N, C-alpha and C. Protein backbone atom coordinates (compact mmCIF):
# COMPACT_ATOMS: atom_id res chain seq x y z
N UNK A 1 0.92 -1.05 0.37
CA UNK A 1 -0.25 0.04 -0.25
C UNK A 1 0.75 1.27 -0.22
N UNK A 2 1.82 1.00 0.90
CA UNK A 2 2.26 2.31 0.62
C UNK A 2 3.71 2.81 -0.45
N UNK A 3 4.26 1.60 -0.82
CA UNK A 3 4.97 1.49 -2.25
C UNK A 3 3.70 1.99 -3.54
N UNK A 4 2.41 1.43 -3.22
CA UNK A 4 1.78 2.26 -4.51
C UNK A 4 1.02 3.88 -4.29
N UNK A 5 1.16 3.86 -3.09
CA UNK A 5 0.67 5.86 -2.45
C UNK A 5 2.51 6.51 -2.65
N UNK A 6 3.49 5.64 -2.38
CA UNK A 6 4.93 6.42 -3.40
C UNK A 6 4.83 6.66 -4.57
N UNK A 7 4.26 5.31 -5.02
CA UNK A 7 4.51 5.93 -6.51
C UNK A 7 3.55 6.87 -7.43
N UNK A 8 2.11 6.92 -6.56
CA UNK A 8 1.04 7.69 -7.22
C UNK A 8 1.71 9.28 -7.27
N UNK A 9 2.43 9.21 -5.67
CA UNK A 9 2.68 10.57 -5.38
C UNK A 9 3.73 10.91 -6.28
N UNK A 10 4.75 10.28 -6.56
CA UNK A 10 5.60 10.78 -7.22
C UNK A 10 5.17 10.55 -8.83
N UNK A 11 3.93 10.05 -9.60
CA UNK A 11 4.25 10.22 -10.55
C UNK A 11 2.95 11.24 -11.00
N UNK A 12 2.11 11.83 -9.56
CA UNK A 12 1.51 13.13 -9.76
C UNK A 12 1.98 14.21 -8.38
N UNK A 13 2.81 14.45 -8.86
CA UNK A 13 4.19 15.15 -7.80
C UNK A 13 2.90 16.28 -7.48
N UNK A 14 2.88 16.58 -5.70
CA UNK A 14 2.82 17.88 -5.49
C UNK A 14 3.31 19.41 -5.87
N UNK A 15 4.56 19.62 -6.52
CA UNK A 15 5.04 20.02 -7.29
C UNK A 15 4.31 20.39 -8.07
N UNK A 16 3.76 19.17 -8.63
CA UNK A 16 2.79 20.03 -10.38
C UNK A 16 1.44 20.33 -9.32
N UNK A 17 1.28 19.90 -8.76
CA UNK A 17 -0.21 20.51 -8.44
C UNK A 17 -0.06 22.11 -8.02
N UNK A 18 0.76 22.03 -7.13
CA UNK A 18 1.56 23.50 -6.49
C UNK A 18 1.79 24.27 -7.48
N UNK A 19 2.65 24.48 -8.93
CA UNK A 19 2.67 24.71 -10.16
C UNK A 19 1.41 25.27 -10.35
N UNK A 20 0.43 23.85 -11.00
CA UNK A 20 -0.61 24.24 -11.19
C UNK A 20 -1.79 25.71 -10.65
N UNK A 21 -1.28 25.34 -9.40
CA UNK A 21 -2.52 26.57 -8.81
C UNK A 21 -1.62 27.87 -8.90
N UNK A 22 -0.72 28.37 -9.02
CA UNK A 22 0.12 29.37 -9.30
C UNK A 22 -0.58 30.16 -10.37
N UNK A 23 0.01 28.97 -11.35
CA UNK A 23 -0.60 29.26 -13.55
C UNK A 23 -2.35 29.64 -13.22
N UNK A 24 -2.81 29.03 -12.25
CA UNK A 24 -4.34 29.18 -12.52
C UNK A 24 -4.81 30.65 -11.59
N UNK A 25 -3.67 31.02 -10.96
CA UNK A 25 -4.26 32.21 -10.29
C UNK A 25 -3.40 33.62 -10.90
N UNK A 26 -2.22 32.94 -11.90
CA UNK A 26 -1.70 34.48 -12.13
C UNK A 26 -2.77 34.34 -13.91
N UNK A 27 -3.18 33.32 -14.36
CA UNK A 27 -4.05 33.28 -15.07
C UNK A 27 -5.30 34.20 -15.17
N UNK A 28 -5.67 33.80 -13.78
CA UNK A 28 -7.29 34.42 -13.07
C UNK A 28 -6.53 35.63 -13.40
N UNK A 29 -5.55 36.41 -12.44
CA UNK A 29 -5.69 37.65 -12.72
C UNK A 29 -4.76 38.34 -13.87
N UNK A 30 -4.82 37.49 -15.08
CA UNK A 30 -4.63 38.22 -16.44
C UNK A 30 -3.27 38.07 -16.43
N UNK A 31 -2.40 37.81 -15.56
CA UNK A 31 -0.61 37.31 -15.65
C UNK A 31 -0.68 36.71 -17.01
N UNK A 32 -1.26 35.44 -17.74
CA UNK A 32 -1.38 34.62 -18.36
C UNK A 32 -2.35 34.53 -19.14
N UNK A 33 -1.77 34.23 -20.98
CA UNK A 33 -2.96 34.34 -21.89
C UNK A 33 -2.73 32.97 -21.95
N UNK A 34 -4.12 31.98 -22.33
CA UNK A 34 -3.67 30.90 -22.88
C UNK A 34 -3.65 30.85 -24.34
N UNK A 35 -2.10 30.09 -24.70
CA UNK A 35 -1.80 30.03 -26.23
C UNK A 35 -0.73 30.53 -26.51
N UNK A 36 -0.13 31.45 -25.48
CA UNK A 36 0.72 32.59 -25.76
C UNK A 36 1.87 31.91 -24.76
N UNK A 37 2.91 33.01 -25.01
CA UNK A 37 3.99 32.60 -23.97
C UNK A 37 4.26 33.76 -23.44
N UNK A 38 4.26 33.67 -21.86
CA UNK A 38 4.86 34.01 -20.48
C UNK A 38 6.33 34.01 -20.00
N UNK A 39 6.76 35.39 -20.11
CA UNK A 39 8.31 35.71 -19.30
C UNK A 39 7.93 35.83 -17.50
N UNK A 40 8.76 34.94 -16.86
CA UNK A 40 8.22 35.11 -15.53
C UNK A 40 9.05 36.99 -14.62
N UNK A 41 9.68 37.32 -15.49
CA UNK A 41 10.66 38.25 -15.66
C UNK A 41 9.83 39.57 -16.23
N UNK A 42 8.98 39.45 -17.49
CA UNK A 42 8.43 40.02 -17.69
C UNK A 42 8.02 41.43 -17.13
N UNK A 43 7.79 42.54 -16.96
CA UNK A 43 8.37 44.15 -16.76
C UNK A 43 6.98 44.07 -15.50
N UNK A 44 5.39 43.54 -16.42
CA UNK A 44 4.30 44.09 -15.87
C UNK A 44 3.88 42.74 -14.90
N UNK A 45 4.26 41.43 -15.13
CA UNK A 45 4.68 40.77 -13.76
C UNK A 45 4.62 40.79 -12.67
N UNK A 46 6.07 41.12 -13.00
CA UNK A 46 7.42 41.74 -11.89
C UNK A 46 6.38 42.81 -11.40
N UNK A 47 5.59 43.70 -11.91
CA UNK A 47 5.26 45.02 -11.08
C UNK A 47 3.73 44.22 -10.36
N UNK A 48 3.46 43.48 -10.69
CA UNK A 48 1.95 43.12 -10.52
C UNK A 48 2.17 42.31 -8.83
N UNK A 49 2.91 41.51 -9.35
CA UNK A 49 3.43 41.00 -7.84
C UNK A 49 4.08 41.96 -6.80
N UNK A 50 4.94 42.92 -7.05
CA UNK A 50 5.63 43.87 -6.28
C UNK A 50 4.24 44.64 -5.25
N UNK A 51 2.54 44.99 -6.62
CA UNK A 51 1.97 45.13 -6.01
C UNK A 51 1.27 44.60 -4.96
N UNK A 52 0.93 43.14 -5.31
CA UNK A 52 0.30 42.31 -4.52
C UNK A 52 1.19 41.69 -2.87
N UNK A 53 2.56 42.40 -3.26
CA UNK A 53 3.50 42.46 -2.06
C UNK A 53 3.32 43.69 -0.67
N UNK A 54 3.36 44.72 -1.55
CA UNK A 54 2.71 45.52 -1.13
C UNK A 54 1.57 45.62 -0.22
N UNK A 55 0.73 45.25 -1.06
CA UNK A 55 -0.84 44.83 -0.50
C UNK A 55 -0.74 44.07 0.53
N UNK A 56 -0.14 43.23 0.45
CA UNK A 56 0.27 41.89 1.53
C UNK A 56 0.55 42.64 2.95
N UNK A 57 2.01 43.67 2.68
CA UNK A 57 2.70 44.42 4.02
C UNK A 57 1.56 45.42 4.67
N UNK A 58 0.72 46.16 3.56
CA UNK A 58 -0.13 46.72 4.54
C UNK A 58 -1.58 46.33 5.00
N UNK A 59 -1.68 45.40 4.63
CA UNK A 59 -3.14 44.68 5.37
C UNK A 59 -2.25 43.72 6.62
N UNK A 60 -0.91 43.06 6.91
CA UNK A 60 -0.22 43.10 8.18
C UNK A 60 -0.08 43.73 8.99
N UNK A 61 0.93 45.09 8.08
CA UNK A 61 0.31 46.43 9.09
C UNK A 61 -1.09 47.03 9.63
N UNK A 62 -2.10 47.38 8.88
CA UNK A 62 -3.43 47.29 9.81
C UNK A 62 -3.78 46.12 10.51
N UNK A 63 -3.22 45.05 10.27
CA UNK A 63 -3.74 44.40 11.44
C UNK A 63 -3.12 43.96 12.52
N UNK A 64 -1.83 44.71 12.68
CA UNK A 64 -0.85 44.47 14.09
C UNK A 64 -1.23 45.99 14.64
N UNK A 65 -1.87 47.05 13.87
CA UNK A 65 -2.41 48.50 14.04
C UNK A 65 -3.39 48.28 15.60
N UNK A 66 -4.36 47.07 14.53
CA UNK A 66 -5.34 47.43 15.56
C UNK A 66 -5.09 46.40 16.34
N UNK A 67 -4.27 45.08 16.68
CA UNK A 67 -4.36 44.22 17.53
C UNK A 67 -3.39 45.89 18.16
N UNK A 68 -3.07 45.78 18.30
CA UNK A 68 -2.50 47.27 19.37
C UNK A 68 -3.60 47.76 19.35
N UNK A 69 -3.93 48.97 19.72
CA UNK A 69 -5.49 49.10 19.83
C UNK A 69 -6.34 48.82 20.81
N UNK A 70 -6.42 47.00 20.11
CA UNK A 70 -7.37 46.31 20.48
C UNK A 70 -6.75 46.11 22.68
N UNK A 71 -5.81 46.39 22.66
CA UNK A 71 -5.25 46.25 23.56
C UNK A 71 -4.58 47.29 24.69
N UNK A 72 -4.75 48.44 23.68
CA UNK A 72 -4.52 49.33 24.26
C UNK A 72 -5.86 50.61 24.51
N UNK A 73 -6.70 49.99 23.67
CA UNK A 73 -7.64 51.34 23.45
C UNK A 73 -9.23 50.48 22.90
N UNK A 74 -9.12 49.14 24.06
CA UNK A 74 -10.48 48.32 23.82
C UNK A 74 -12.12 49.74 23.72
N UNK A 75 -11.86 50.38 24.58
CA UNK A 75 -13.52 51.18 24.52
C UNK A 75 -13.57 51.45 23.03
N UNK A 76 -12.62 52.34 23.31
CA UNK A 76 -12.45 53.20 21.62
C UNK A 76 -12.29 52.67 20.38
N UNK A 77 -11.80 51.66 20.04
CA UNK A 77 -12.18 50.68 18.88
C UNK A 77 -13.03 50.24 18.85
N UNK A 78 -14.27 49.65 20.10
CA UNK A 78 -15.81 48.91 20.06
C UNK A 78 -16.28 49.69 19.63
N UNK A 79 -15.93 51.54 20.37
CA UNK A 79 -16.81 52.47 19.54
C UNK A 79 -16.70 52.70 18.43
N UNK A 80 -16.26 52.62 17.51
CA UNK A 80 -15.72 52.54 16.10
C UNK A 80 -16.51 52.43 15.27
N UNK A 81 -17.03 52.94 13.58
CA UNK A 81 -17.45 51.33 13.01
C UNK A 81 -16.66 51.27 11.87
N UNK A 82 -15.40 51.55 12.28
CA UNK A 82 -14.10 51.08 11.35
C UNK A 82 -14.07 49.71 10.88
N UNK A 83 -13.71 48.81 12.41
CA UNK A 83 -13.86 47.70 12.03
C UNK A 83 -14.71 46.62 12.97
N UNK A 84 -15.58 45.64 12.55
CA UNK A 84 -16.15 44.81 13.22
C UNK A 84 -15.01 43.37 13.46
N UNK A 85 -15.90 42.62 14.45
CA UNK A 85 -15.32 42.04 15.96
C UNK A 85 -14.95 40.40 14.23
N UNK A 86 -14.89 40.52 12.88
CA UNK A 86 -14.52 39.59 11.97
C UNK A 86 -12.75 40.03 11.66
């Protein structure tokens, strides 16, 4: 059983599934087009990845700031409409 599982894993390795998921997300965001060739070092792909990276930094900064506010001034934070419990 284990050897069969290992053979299936090698044949359909998780690395291919991860690559397929990345390519699907890139295609969904318009970074790749069907039937065409795309270079991963092309300027628009690098710019989109940079934008996503910056967006991730901003959201992480907001999360840290809200957590600090929740500790320092929970009453003020609860009284604003800026955030909800989710």
